[in-house]
Amino acid sequence: MASTAVSSHLNALHSKHAGLESRLRDEMARPVPDTAMIQSLKKQKLRLKEEIAAH
């Protein structure tokens, strides 16, 4: 039961990570990217990656 919860949590983290990656690509593709937004997205992505690695 606990491993199912962990697996579900990891799947959610991976989904969030993929969503951030998509938003980051979209922002970088804009003619004038918002550097503050890019920095924020990268930080969020890194936090998720670290949380995923901790499991």
C-alpha atoms as a PDB file:
ATOM      1  CA  MET A   1       0.000   0.000   0.000  1.00  0.00           C
ATOM      2  CA  ALA A   2       2.751   2.472   0.927  1.00  0.00           C
ATOM      3  CA  SER A   3       4.686   1.752  -2.263  1.00  0.00           C
ATOM      4  CA  THR A   4       1.547   2.525  -4.279  1.00  0.00           C
ATOM      5  CA  ALA A   5       1.296   5.922  -2.582  1.00  0.00           C
ATOM      6  CA  VAL A   6       4.986   6.603  -3.244  1.00  0.00           C
ATOM      7  CA  SER A   7       4.596   5.531  -6.859  1.00  0.00           C
ATOM      8  CA  SER A   8       1.561   7.775  -7.256  1.00  0.00           C
ATOM      9  CA  HIS A   9       3.443  10.665  -5.667  1.00  0.00           C
ATOM     10  CA  LEU A  10       6.424  10.127  -7.983  1.00  0.00           C
ATOM     11  CA  ASN A  11       4.119  10.025 -11.002  1.00  0.00           C
ATOM     12  CA  ALA A  12       2.607  13.336  -9.909  1.00  0.00           C
ATOM     13  CA  LEU A  13       6.084  14.849  -9.493  1.00  0.00           C
ATOM     14  CA  HIS A  14       7.126  13.627 -12.949  1.00  0.00           C
ATOM     15  CA  SER A  15       3.952  15.129 -14.437  1.00  0.00           C
ATOM     16  CA  LYS A  16       4.613  18.472 -12.759  1.00  0.00           C
ATOM     17  CA  HIS A  17       8.235  18.356 -13.960  1.00  0.00           C
ATOM     18  CA  ALA A  18       7.094  17.699 -17.543  1.00  0.00           C
ATOM     19  CA  GLY A  19       4.601  20.557 -17.294  1.00  0.00           C
ATOM     20  CA  LEU A  20       7.296  22.940 -16.112  1.00  0.00           C
ATOM     21  CA  GLU A  21       9.560  21.778 -18.950  1.00  0.00           C
ATOM     22  CA  SER A  22       6.796  22.541 -21.439  1.00  0.00           C
ATOM     23  CA  ARG A  23       6.164  25.996 -19.958  1.00  0.00           C
ATOM     24  CA  LEU A  24       9.911  26.671 -20.004  1.00  0.00           C
ATOM     25  CA  ARG A  25      10.193  25.704 -23.700  1.00  0.00           C
ATOM     26  CA  ASP A  26       7.178  27.869 -24.545  1.00  0.00           C
ATOM     27  CA  GLU A  27       8.614  30.864 -22.690  1.00  0.00           C
ATOM     28  CA  MET A  28      12.039  30.484 -24.305  1.00  0.00           C
ATOM     29  CA  ALA A  29      10.416  30.313 -27.749  1.00  0.00           C
ATOM     30  CA  ARG A  30       8.744  33.708 -27.306  1.00  0.00           C
ATOM     31  CA  PRO A  31      10.265  36.612 -29.251  1.00  0.00           C
ATOM     32  CA  VAL A  32      11.087  38.367 -25.967  1.00  0.00           C
ATOM     33  CA  PRO A  33      11.300  35.738 -23.211  1.00  0.00           C
ATOM     34  CA  ASP A  34      10.596  36.817 -19.640  1.00  0.00           C
ATOM     35  CA  THR A  35      13.912  36.067 -17.946  1.00  0.00           C
ATOM     36  CA  ALA A  36      12.380  36.259 -14.467  1.00  0.00           C
ATOM     37  CA  MET A  37       9.763  33.680 -15.485  1.00  0.00           C
ATOM     38  CA  ILE A  38      12.447  31.424 -16.985  1.00  0.00           C
ATOM     39  CA  GLN A  39      14.504  31.658 -13.794  1.00  0.00           C
ATOM     40  CA  SER A  40      11.459  30.854 -11.665  1.00  0.00           C
ATOM     41  CA  LEU A  41      10.491  27.864 -13.824  1.00  0.00           C
ATOM     42  CA  LYS A  42      14.051  26.507 -13.726  1.00  0.00           C
ATOM     43  CA  LYS A  43      14.138  26.782  -9.920  1.00  0.00           C
ATOM     44  CA  GLN A  44      10.790  24.994  -9.608  1.00  0.00           C
ATOM     45  CA  LYS A  45      11.980  22.295 -11.993  1.00  0.00           C
ATOM     46  CA  LEU A  46      15.186  21.810 -10.011  1.00  0.00           C
ATOM     47  CA  ARG A  47      13.241  21.487  -6.728  1.00  0.00           C
ATOM     48  CA  LEU A  48      11.033  18.808  -8.274  1.00  0.00           C
ATOM     49  CA  LYS A  49      14.043  16.987  -9.718  1.00  0.00           C
ATOM     50  CA  GLU A  50      15.691  16.969  -6.291  1.00  0.00           C
ATOM     51  CA  GLU A  51      12.496  15.674  -4.663  1.00  0.00           C
ATOM     52  CA  ILE A  52      12.211  12.932  -7.295  1.00  0.00           C
ATOM     53  CA  ALA A  53      15.866  11.956  -6.748  1.00  0.00           C
ATOM     54  CA  ALA A  54      15.297  11.766  -2.980  1.00  0.00           C
ATOM     55  CA  HIS A  55      12.755   8.972  -3.494  1.00  0.00           C
END
